[in-house]
């Protein structure tokens, strides 16, 4: 099942996965490298664009916006625990990454063979004959092996979800009940829709990318276009660049380490840190 745990546990697991993996997978690394090593003025410029950028879409059309917004809100909803994907601007984060290197398969290996399911041999793919056939590939993390761009992968995936939602539950994903929306995601996780009827995408592949990018938009530094106002960090208790005395406030860090009660400080972003100390 897709959601056998409560929201708080779900978010904690996602946070550990995203942060523990260096905040991005090998697929998403290009979206970070454009910022790492940038000069102070470049970082400040990117930071200042986050708020305005989150108010405009670059790739997703209106129908896709409504559908994806409902999907990310199903994964991380707003509830009594705090803000969710909507407040964090996750949908804008995904849209803007699709408009940039991530959506254009920046620095991704794109040579074939493009085979996702097990096939008995002999089989010829890309002019090469494999006498033993090909085994089923195993999901081991955020992966991608299709012969089209990521922005096409997302567009085809969103379209396939709408088609499946209508055929299986009688309406577009965004118009379904919350219970039905969770069930649709469960169906994707369990590969219930036939790949042939899912725009030739394995449903689990789209589910995995959707989950990973939703968490990235919720938990990454705001400089990348998501986690607006650091709501993701506030909810999970992650302090970002705040290490207790980040801005030379004069705190006794050693005293904090041995204190009988924990002291929780608010998160600080890379943009705030850079503005305080100049070039990194």
C-alpha atoms as a PDB file:
ATOM      1  CA  UNK A   1       0.000   0.000   0.000  1.00  0.00           C
ATOM      2  CA  UNK A   2       1.064   3.549  -0.659  1.00  0.00           C
ATOM      3  CA  UNK A   3       0.030   5.153   2.654  1.00  0.00           C
ATOM      4  CA  UNK A   4       0.231   2.590   5.478  1.00  0.00           C
ATOM      5  CA  UNK A   5       1.544   5.234   7.874  1.00  0.00           C
ATOM      6  CA  UNK A   6       0.354   8.570   9.143  1.00  0.00           C
ATOM      7  CA  UNK A   7       1.316  11.887   7.592  1.00  0.00           C
ATOM      8  CA  UNK A   8       3.934  12.785  10.203  1.00  0.00           C
ATOM      9  CA  UNK A   9       5.776   9.476   9.720  1.00  0.00           C
ATOM     10  CA  UNK A  10       5.414   9.760   5.950  1.00  0.00           C
ATOM     11  CA  UNK A  11       7.057  13.175   5.901  1.00  0.00           C
ATOM     12  CA  UNK A  12       9.846  12.089   8.270  1.00  0.00           C
ATOM     13  CA  UNK A  13      10.703   9.160   6.013  1.00  0.00           C
ATOM     14  CA  UNK A  14      10.701  11.419   2.962  1.00  0.00           C
ATOM     15  CA  UNK A  15      12.883  13.964   4.746  1.00  0.00           C
ATOM     16  CA  UNK A  16      15.423  11.339   5.677  1.00  0.00           C
ATOM     17  CA  UNK A  17      15.477  10.035   2.115  1.00  0.00           C
ATOM     18  CA  UNK A  18      15.863  13.460   0.505  1.00  0.00           C
ATOM     19  CA  UNK A  19      18.395  14.887   2.959  1.00  0.00           C
ATOM     20  CA  UNK A  20      20.275  11.627   3.435  1.00  0.00           C
ATOM     21  CA  UNK A  21      20.727  11.270  -0.314  1.00  0.00           C
ATOM     22  CA  UNK A  22      22.382  14.667  -0.559  1.00  0.00           C
ATOM     23  CA  UNK A  23      19.005  16.301  -1.169  1.00  0.00           C
ATOM     24  CA  UNK A  24      18.926  15.133  -4.784  1.00  0.00           C
ATOM     25  CA  UNK A  25      19.430  11.965  -6.792  1.00  0.00           C
ATOM     26  CA  UNK A  26      21.811  11.533  -9.683  1.00  0.00           C
ATOM     27  CA  UNK A  27      18.928  12.525 -11.921  1.00  0.00           C
ATOM     28  CA  UNK A  28      18.275  15.765 -10.113  1.00  0.00           C
ATOM     29  CA  UNK A  29      21.966  16.713  -9.615  1.00  0.00           C
ATOM     30  CA  UNK A  30      21.917  19.142 -12.590  1.00  0.00           C
ATOM     31  CA  UNK A  31      19.336  21.337 -10.844  1.00  0.00           C
ATOM     32  CA  UNK A  32      21.848  21.874  -8.036  1.00  0.00           C
ATOM     33  CA  UNK A  33      25.033  22.312 -10.000  1.00  0.00           C
ATOM     34  CA  UNK A  34      23.876  25.534 -11.607  1.00  0.00           C
ATOM     35  CA  UNK A  35      23.919  27.119  -8.153  1.00  0.00           C
ATOM     36  CA  UNK A  36      26.827  25.404  -6.406  1.00  0.00           C
ATOM     37  CA  UNK A  37      29.922  27.537  -6.796  1.00  0.00           C
ATOM     38  CA  UNK A  38      27.982  30.597  -7.900  1.00  0.00           C
ATOM     39  CA  UNK A  39      29.154  34.002  -6.763  1.00  0.00           C
ATOM     40  CA  UNK A  40      27.365  35.838  -4.000  1.00  0.00           C
ATOM     41  CA  UNK A  41      25.581  38.165  -6.408  1.00  0.00           C
ATOM     42  CA  UNK A  42      24.311  35.190  -8.430  1.00  0.00           C
ATOM     43  CA  UNK A  43      22.959  33.412  -5.360  1.00  0.00           C
ATOM     44  CA  UNK A  44      21.264  36.584  -4.111  1.00  0.00           C
ATOM     45  CA  UNK A  45      19.707  37.098  -7.524  1.00  0.00           C
ATOM     46  CA  UNK A  46      18.320  33.555  -7.537  1.00  0.00           C
ATOM     47  CA  UNK A  47      17.015  33.971  -3.999  1.00  0.00           C
ATOM     48  CA  UNK A  48      15.268  37.218  -4.859  1.00  0.00           C
ATOM     49  CA  UNK A  49      13.532  35.551  -7.801  1.00  0.00           C
ATOM     50  CA  UNK A  50      12.028  32.697  -5.788  1.00  0.00           C
ATOM     51  CA  UNK A  51       8.896  34.509  -4.601  1.00  0.00           C
ATOM     52  CA  UNK A  52       8.085  36.062  -7.958  1.00  0.00           C
ATOM     53  CA  UNK A  53       8.928  32.846  -9.801  1.00  0.00           C
ATOM     54  CA  UNK A  54       6.476  30.905  -7.690  1.00  0.00           C
ATOM     55  CA  UNK A  55       3.681  33.058  -9.082  1.00  0.00           C
ATOM     56  CA  UNK A  56       4.180  32.055 -12.724  1.00  0.00           C
ATOM     57  CA  UNK A  57       4.140  28.758 -14.617  1.00  0.00           C
ATOM     58  CA  UNK A  58       6.618  28.014 -17.381  1.00  0.00           C
ATOM     59  CA  UNK A  59       5.708  24.516 -18.617  1.00  0.00           C
ATOM     60  CA  UNK A  60       2.494  23.160 -17.142  1.00  0.00           C
ATOM     61  CA  UNK A  61      -0.790  24.141 -18.770  1.00  0.00           C
ATOM     62  CA  UNK A  62      -3.885  24.925 -16.686  1.00  0.00           C
ATOM     63  CA  UNK A  63      -5.272  21.400 -16.719  1.00  0.00           C
ATOM     64  CA  UNK A  64      -1.896  19.968 -15.712  1.00  0.00           C
ATOM     65  CA  UNK A  65      -1.558  22.583 -12.973  1.00  0.00           C
ATOM     66  CA  UNK A  66      -4.874  21.602 -11.397  1.00  0.00           C
ATOM     67  CA  UNK A  67      -4.087  17.909 -11.582  1.00  0.00           C
ATOM     68  CA  UNK A  68      -0.532  18.131 -10.253  1.00  0.00           C
ATOM     69  CA  UNK A  69      -1.553  20.474  -7.448  1.00  0.00           C
ATOM     70  CA  UNK A  70      -4.100  17.893  -6.291  1.00  0.00           C
ATOM     71  CA  UNK A  71      -1.494  15.138  -6.512  1.00  0.00           C
ATOM     72  CA  UNK A  72       1.200  16.856  -4.442  1.00  0.00           C
ATOM     73  CA  UNK A  73      -1.398  17.950  -1.891  1.00  0.00           C
ATOM     74  CA  UNK A  74      -2.528  14.336  -1.587  1.00  0.00           C
ATOM     75  CA  UNK A  75       1.062  13.332  -0.825  1.00  0.00           C
ATOM     76  CA  UNK A  76       1.761  16.151   1.662  1.00  0.00           C
ATOM     77  CA  UNK A  77      -1.583  17.680   2.673  1.00  0.00           C
ATOM     78  CA  UNK A  78      -2.213  20.718   4.827  1.00  0.00           C
ATOM     79  CA  UNK A  79      -3.627  19.544   8.149  1.00  0.00           C
ATOM     80  CA  UNK A  80      -3.425  20.043  11.898  1.00  0.00           C
ATOM     81  CA  UNK A  81       0.286  19.186  11.841  1.00  0.00           C
ATOM     82  CA  UNK A  82       1.061  22.177   9.674  1.00  0.00           C
ATOM     83  CA  UNK A  83       1.383  23.414   6.081  1.00  0.00           C
ATOM     84  CA  UNK A  84       1.735  21.040   3.162  1.00  0.00           C
ATOM     85  CA  UNK A  85       2.872  20.953  -0.441  1.00  0.00           C
ATOM     86  CA  UNK A  86       0.566  23.820  -1.440  1.00  0.00           C
ATOM     87  CA  UNK A  87       2.107  26.308   1.012  1.00  0.00           C
ATOM     88  CA  UNK A  88       5.601  25.138   0.093  1.00  0.00           C
ATOM     89  CA  UNK A  89       5.010  25.927  -3.592  1.00  0.00           C
ATOM     90  CA  UNK A  90       5.902  22.373  -4.638  1.00  0.00           C
ATOM     91  CA  UNK A  91       3.965  22.644  -7.906  1.00  0.00           C
ATOM     92  CA  UNK A  92       5.996  25.706  -8.924  1.00  0.00           C
ATOM     93  CA  UNK A  93       9.227  23.954  -7.994  1.00  0.00           C
ATOM     94  CA  UNK A  94       8.382  21.027 -10.278  1.00  0.00           C
ATOM     95  CA  UNK A  95       7.214  23.296 -13.105  1.00  0.00           C
ATOM     96  CA  UNK A  96      10.410  25.354 -13.040  1.00  0.00           C
ATOM     97  CA  UNK A  97      12.661  22.299 -12.903  1.00  0.00           C
ATOM     98  CA  UNK A  98      10.855  20.926 -15.953  1.00  0.00           C
ATOM     99  CA  UNK A  99      11.590  24.209 -17.723  1.00  0.00           C
ATOM    100  CA  UNK A 100      15.312  23.900 -16.981  1.00  0.00           C
ATOM    101  CA  UNK A 101      18.036  21.250 -17.223  1.00  0.00           C
ATOM    102  CA  UNK A 102      16.061  18.627 -15.352  1.00  0.00           C
ATOM    103  CA  UNK A 103      13.223  18.785 -17.870  1.00  0.00           C
ATOM    104  CA  UNK A 104      15.709  18.755 -20.738  1.00  0.00           C
ATOM    105  CA  UNK A 105      17.568  15.667 -19.429  1.00  0.00           C
ATOM    106  CA  UNK A 106      20.596  17.810 -18.604  1.00  0.00           C
ATOM    107  CA  UNK A 107      23.727  15.664 -18.367  1.00  0.00           C
ATOM    108  CA  UNK A 108      21.721  12.432 -18.307  1.00  0.00           C
ATOM    109  CA  UNK A 109      22.843   9.321 -20.155  1.00  0.00           C
ATOM    110  CA  UNK A 110      20.327   8.903 -22.942  1.00  0.00           C
ATOM    111  CA  UNK A 111      21.659   6.009 -25.034  1.00  0.00           C
ATOM    112  CA  UNK A 112      19.649   2.824 -25.418  1.00  0.00           C
ATOM    113  CA  UNK A 113      18.610   0.131 -25.143  1.00  0.00           C
ATOM    114  CA  UNK A 114      15.375   1.493 -23.710  1.00  0.00           C
ATOM    115  CA  UNK A 115      13.826  -1.682 -22.337  1.00  0.00           C
ATOM    116  CA  UNK A 116      11.857  -1.578 -19.067  1.00  0.00           C
ATOM    117  CA  UNK A 117      10.303  -5.051 -18.878  1.00  0.00           C
ATOM    118  CA  UNK A 118      11.754  -8.554 -19.022  1.00  0.00           C
ATOM    119  CA  UNK A 119      11.857 -10.110 -22.488  1.00  0.00           C
ATOM    120  CA  UNK A 120      13.089 -13.542 -23.562  1.00  0.00           C
ATOM    121  CA  UNK A 121      15.840 -13.613 -26.150  1.00  0.00           C
ATOM    122  CA  UNK A 122      16.985 -13.224 -28.675  1.00  0.00           C
ATOM    123  CA  UNK A 123      16.000  -9.568 -28.849  1.00  0.00           C
ATOM    124  CA  UNK A 124      17.473  -6.808 -30.998  1.00  0.00           C
ATOM    125  CA  UNK A 125      17.469  -3.282 -29.598  1.00  0.00           C
ATOM    126  CA  UNK A 126      19.245  -0.346 -31.195  1.00  0.00           C
ATOM    127  CA  UNK A 127      20.925  -2.648 -33.720  1.00  0.00           C
ATOM    128  CA  UNK A 128      22.372  -4.900 -31.012  1.00  0.00           C
ATOM    129  CA  UNK A 129      21.131  -8.474 -30.541  1.00  0.00           C
ATOM    130  CA  UNK A 130      20.950  -9.843 -27.004  1.00  0.00           C
ATOM    131  CA  UNK A 131      20.812 -13.647 -27.244  1.00  0.00           C
ATOM    132  CA  UNK A 132      19.625 -14.135 -23.653  1.00  0.00           C
ATOM    133  CA  UNK A 133      17.045 -11.372 -23.804  1.00  0.00           C
ATOM    134  CA  UNK A 134      16.853  -8.723 -21.103  1.00  0.00           C
ATOM    135  CA  UNK A 135      15.917  -9.060 -17.407  1.00  0.00           C
ATOM    136  CA  UNK A 136      13.351  -6.852 -15.726  1.00  0.00           C
ATOM    137  CA  UNK A 137      15.096  -3.799 -14.363  1.00  0.00           C
ATOM    138  CA  UNK A 138      14.800  -3.243 -10.627  1.00  0.00           C
ATOM    139  CA  UNK A 139      13.914   0.099  -9.042  1.00  0.00           C
ATOM    140  CA  UNK A 140      16.777   1.057  -6.732  1.00  0.00           C
ATOM    141  CA  UNK A 141      16.107   4.751  -6.286  1.00  0.00           C
ATOM    142  CA  UNK A 142      15.142   7.664  -8.533  1.00  0.00           C
ATOM    143  CA  UNK A 143      15.839   6.243 -11.984  1.00  0.00           C
ATOM    144  CA  UNK A 144      14.943   7.079 -15.551  1.00  0.00           C
ATOM    145  CA  UNK A 145      15.322   5.063 -18.731  1.00  0.00           C
ATOM    146  CA  UNK A 146      13.015   6.276 -21.455  1.00  0.00           C
ATOM    147  CA  UNK A 147      13.793   7.656 -24.886  1.00  0.00           C
ATOM    148  CA  UNK A 148      12.124  11.025 -24.327  1.00  0.00           C
ATOM    149  CA  UNK A 149      12.743  14.134 -22.267  1.00  0.00           C
ATOM    150  CA  UNK A 150      11.727  14.400 -18.625  1.00  0.00           C
ATOM    151  CA  UNK A 151       9.238  17.147 -19.424  1.00  0.00           C
ATOM    152  CA  UNK A 152       7.619  14.734 -21.906  1.00  0.00           C
ATOM    153  CA  UNK A 153       7.750  11.984 -19.274  1.00  0.00           C
ATOM    154  CA  UNK A 154       5.821  14.232 -16.875  1.00  0.00           C
ATOM    155  CA  UNK A 155       3.364  15.440 -19.510  1.00  0.00           C
ATOM    156  CA  UNK A 156       2.668  11.886 -20.672  1.00  0.00           C
ATOM    157  CA  UNK A 157       2.441  10.684 -17.077  1.00  0.00           C
ATOM    158  CA  UNK A 158      -0.027  13.374 -16.025  1.00  0.00           C
ATOM    159  CA  UNK A 159      -2.162  12.657 -19.075  1.00  0.00           C
ATOM    160  CA  UNK A 160      -2.089   8.926 -18.314  1.00  0.00           C
ATOM    161  CA  UNK A 161      -3.153   9.521 -14.704  1.00  0.00           C
ATOM    162  CA  UNK A 162      -6.171  11.542 -15.854  1.00  0.00           C
ATOM    163  CA  UNK A 163      -7.169   8.827 -18.323  1.00  0.00           C
ATOM    164  CA  UNK A 164      -6.838   6.141 -15.653  1.00  0.00           C
ATOM    165  CA  UNK A 165      -8.683   8.207 -13.029  1.00  0.00           C
ATOM    166  CA  UNK A 166     -11.616   8.628 -15.393  1.00  0.00           C
ATOM    167  CA  UNK A 167     -11.751   4.983 -16.446  1.00  0.00           C
ATOM    168  CA  UNK A 168     -11.303   3.539 -12.945  1.00  0.00           C
ATOM    169  CA  UNK A 169     -12.977   6.153 -10.731  1.00  0.00           C
ATOM    170  CA  UNK A 170     -15.203   8.217 -13.015  1.00  0.00           C
ATOM    171  CA  UNK A 171     -13.479  11.600 -13.039  1.00  0.00           C
ATOM    172  CA  UNK A 172     -10.301  13.633 -13.310  1.00  0.00           C
ATOM    173  CA  UNK A 173      -7.872  13.133 -10.440  1.00  0.00           C
ATOM    174  CA  UNK A 174      -8.424  16.652  -9.083  1.00  0.00           C
ATOM    175  CA  UNK A 175     -12.193  16.051  -8.896  1.00  0.00           C
ATOM    176  CA  UNK A 176     -12.051  12.742  -7.040  1.00  0.00           C
ATOM    177  CA  UNK A 177     -12.618  12.362  -3.304  1.00  0.00           C
ATOM    178  CA  UNK A 178      -9.523  12.350  -1.114  1.00  0.00           C
ATOM    179  CA  UNK A 179      -9.968   8.607  -0.549  1.00  0.00           C
ATOM    180  CA  UNK A 180     -10.108   7.973  -4.291  1.00  0.00           C
ATOM    181  CA  UNK A 181      -7.057  10.175  -4.899  1.00  0.00           C
ATOM    182  CA  UNK A 182      -5.034   8.138  -2.407  1.00  0.00           C
ATOM    183  CA  UNK A 183      -6.287   4.961  -4.080  1.00  0.00           C
ATOM    184  CA  UNK A 184      -5.158   6.178  -7.508  1.00  0.00           C
ATOM    185  CA  UNK A 185      -1.652   6.716  -6.134  1.00  0.00           C
ATOM    186  CA  UNK A 186      -1.802   3.262  -4.554  1.00  0.00           C
ATOM    187  CA  UNK A 187      -2.738   1.873  -7.955  1.00  0.00           C
ATOM    188  CA  UNK A 188       0.266   3.542  -9.567  1.00  0.00           C
ATOM    189  CA  UNK A 189       2.556   2.175  -6.861  1.00  0.00           C
ATOM    190  CA  UNK A 190       1.193  -1.325  -7.459  1.00  0.00           C
ATOM    191  CA  UNK A 191       1.429  -0.955 -11.262  1.00  0.00           C
ATOM    192  CA  UNK A 192      -2.289  -1.587 -11.604  1.00  0.00           C
ATOM    193  CA  UNK A 193      -2.753   0.444 -14.819  1.00  0.00           C
ATOM    194  CA  UNK A 194      -1.392  -1.436 -17.826  1.00  0.00           C
ATOM    195  CA  UNK A 195       1.781   0.162 -19.202  1.00  0.00           C
ATOM    196  CA  UNK A 196       0.344  -0.038 -22.718  1.00  0.00           C
ATOM    197  CA  UNK A 197      -2.585   2.094 -21.529  1.00  0.00           C
ATOM    198  CA  UNK A 198      -0.380   4.444 -19.538  1.00  0.00           C
ATOM    199  CA  UNK A 199       1.322   6.201 -22.451  1.00  0.00           C
ATOM    200  CA  UNK A 200       3.995   3.469 -22.433  1.00  0.00           C
ATOM    201  CA  UNK A 201       5.242   4.533 -18.992  1.00  0.00           C
ATOM    202  CA  UNK A 202       5.488   2.034 -16.161  1.00  0.00           C
ATOM    203  CA  UNK A 203       3.089   3.511 -13.568  1.00  0.00           C
ATOM    204  CA  UNK A 204       5.507   2.863 -10.691  1.00  0.00           C
ATOM    205  CA  UNK A 205       8.156   4.919 -12.490  1.00  0.00           C
ATOM    206  CA  UNK A 206       5.872   7.934 -12.622  1.00  0.00           C
ATOM    207  CA  UNK A 207       4.826   7.384  -8.999  1.00  0.00           C
ATOM    208  CA  UNK A 208       8.472   7.295  -7.856  1.00  0.00           C
ATOM    209  CA  UNK A 209       9.394  10.469  -9.730  1.00  0.00           C
ATOM    210  CA  UNK A 210       6.277  12.216  -8.436  1.00  0.00           C
ATOM    211  CA  UNK A 211       7.099  11.295  -4.833  1.00  0.00           C
ATOM    212  CA  UNK A 212      10.757  12.280  -5.128  1.00  0.00           C
ATOM    213  CA  UNK A 213      10.101  15.644  -6.734  1.00  0.00           C
ATOM    214  CA  UNK A 214       7.305  16.415  -4.280  1.00  0.00           C
ATOM    215  CA  UNK A 215       9.664  15.845  -1.362  1.00  0.00           C
ATOM    216  CA  UNK A 216      12.413  17.818  -3.092  1.00  0.00           C
ATOM    217  CA  UNK A 217      10.112  20.800  -3.525  1.00  0.00           C
ATOM    218  CA  UNK A 218       8.991  20.538   0.085  1.00  0.00           C
ATOM    219  CA  UNK A 219      12.399  20.052   1.727  1.00  0.00           C
ATOM    220  CA  UNK A 220      15.135  21.604  -0.409  1.00  0.00           C
ATOM    221  CA  UNK A 221      16.569  25.032   0.281  1.00  0.00           C
ATOM    222  CA  UNK A 222      14.204  27.786  -0.937  1.00  0.00           C
ATOM    223  CA  UNK A 223      16.900  28.942  -3.335  1.00  0.00           C
ATOM    224  CA  UNK A 224      15.833  26.129  -5.660  1.00  0.00           C
ATOM    225  CA  UNK A 225      12.274  27.413  -5.941  1.00  0.00           C
ATOM    226  CA  UNK A 226      10.327  25.351  -3.415  1.00  0.00           C
ATOM    227  CA  UNK A 227       9.992  25.146   0.375  1.00  0.00           C
ATOM    228  CA  UNK A 228       8.520  28.667   0.361  1.00  0.00           C
ATOM    229  CA  UNK A 229       9.126  30.507   3.628  1.00  0.00           C
ATOM    230  CA  UNK A 230      10.920  27.325   4.755  1.00  0.00           C
ATOM    231  CA  UNK A 231       7.605  25.747   5.760  1.00  0.00           C
ATOM    232  CA  UNK A 232       8.989  22.258   5.072  1.00  0.00           C
ATOM    233  CA  UNK A 233      11.942  22.811   7.374  1.00  0.00           C
ATOM    234  CA  UNK A 234       9.753  24.364  10.047  1.00  0.00           C
ATOM    235  CA  UNK A 235       7.420  21.374   9.988  1.00  0.00           C
ATOM    236  CA  UNK A 236      10.198  18.767  10.128  1.00  0.00           C
ATOM    237  CA  UNK A 237      12.411  20.685  12.565  1.00  0.00           C
ATOM    238  CA  UNK A 238      15.324  20.973  10.127  1.00  0.00           C
ATOM    239  CA  UNK A 239      17.309  24.188  10.689  1.00  0.00           C
ATOM    240  CA  UNK A 240      18.979  24.471   7.301  1.00  0.00           C
ATOM    241  CA  UNK A 241      22.085  26.646   7.546  1.00  0.00           C
ATOM    242  CA  UNK A 242      21.367  27.485  11.198  1.00  0.00           C
ATOM    243  CA  UNK A 243      23.943  25.746  13.393  1.00  0.00           C
ATOM    244  CA  UNK A 244      23.200  27.581  16.617  1.00  0.00           C
ATOM    245  CA  UNK A 245      25.541  30.507  16.055  1.00  0.00           C
ATOM    246  CA  UNK A 246      25.195  30.891  12.303  1.00  0.00           C
ATOM    247  CA  UNK A 247      25.130  34.661  12.263  1.00  0.00           C
ATOM    248  CA  UNK A 248      27.529  35.201  15.182  1.00  0.00           C
ATOM    249  CA  UNK A 249      24.709  35.891  17.613  1.00  0.00           C
ATOM    250  CA  UNK A 250      27.087  35.189  20.472  1.00  0.00           C
ATOM    251  CA  UNK A 251      25.446  31.964  21.551  1.00  0.00           C
ATOM    252  CA  UNK A 252      27.575  29.535  23.517  1.00  0.00           C
ATOM    253  CA  UNK A 253      27.419  26.511  21.238  1.00  0.00           C
ATOM    254  CA  UNK A 254      29.073  24.272  23.823  1.00  0.00           C
ATOM    255  CA  UNK A 255      26.451  25.268  26.396  1.00  0.00           C
ATOM    256  CA  UNK A 256      23.742  24.369  23.878  1.00  0.00           C
ATOM    257  CA  UNK A 257      25.266  20.918  23.410  1.00  0.00           C
ATOM    258  CA  UNK A 258      25.252  20.068  27.118  1.00  0.00           C
ATOM    259  CA  UNK A 259      22.014  21.825  28.084  1.00  0.00           C
ATOM    260  CA  UNK A 260      19.431  19.741  29.940  1.00  0.00           C
ATOM    261  CA  UNK A 261      16.713  20.860  27.559  1.00  0.00           C
ATOM    262  CA  UNK A 262      16.994  21.108  23.756  1.00  0.00           C
ATOM    263  CA  UNK A 263      16.885  24.550  22.198  1.00  0.00           C
ATOM    264  CA  UNK A 264      15.100  24.744  18.871  1.00  0.00           C
ATOM    265  CA  UNK A 265      16.132  27.560  16.565  1.00  0.00           C
ATOM    266  CA  UNK A 266      14.318  28.610  13.398  1.00  0.00           C
ATOM    267  CA  UNK A 267      15.706  27.533  10.011  1.00  0.00           C
ATOM    268  CA  UNK A 268      17.944  29.738   7.896  1.00  0.00           C
ATOM    269  CA  UNK A 269      18.344  29.371   4.133  1.00  0.00           C
ATOM    270  CA  UNK A 270      21.481  29.540   2.017  1.00  0.00           C
ATOM    271  CA  UNK A 271      20.278  32.902   0.711  1.00  0.00           C
ATOM    272  CA  UNK A 272      20.096  34.329   4.245  1.00  0.00           C
ATOM    273  CA  UNK A 273      23.504  32.923   5.108  1.00  0.00           C
ATOM    274  CA  UNK A 274      25.036  34.342   1.933  1.00  0.00           C
ATOM    275  CA  UNK A 275      23.511  37.772   2.495  1.00  0.00           C
ATOM    276  CA  UNK A 276      24.987  37.831   6.001  1.00  0.00           C
ATOM    277  CA  UNK A 277      28.520  36.787   5.047  1.00  0.00           C
ATOM    278  CA  UNK A 278      28.975  37.644   1.384  1.00  0.00           C
ATOM    279  CA  UNK A 279      30.486  35.179  -1.083  1.00  0.00           C
ATOM    280  CA  UNK A 280      30.566  31.576   0.016  1.00  0.00           C
END
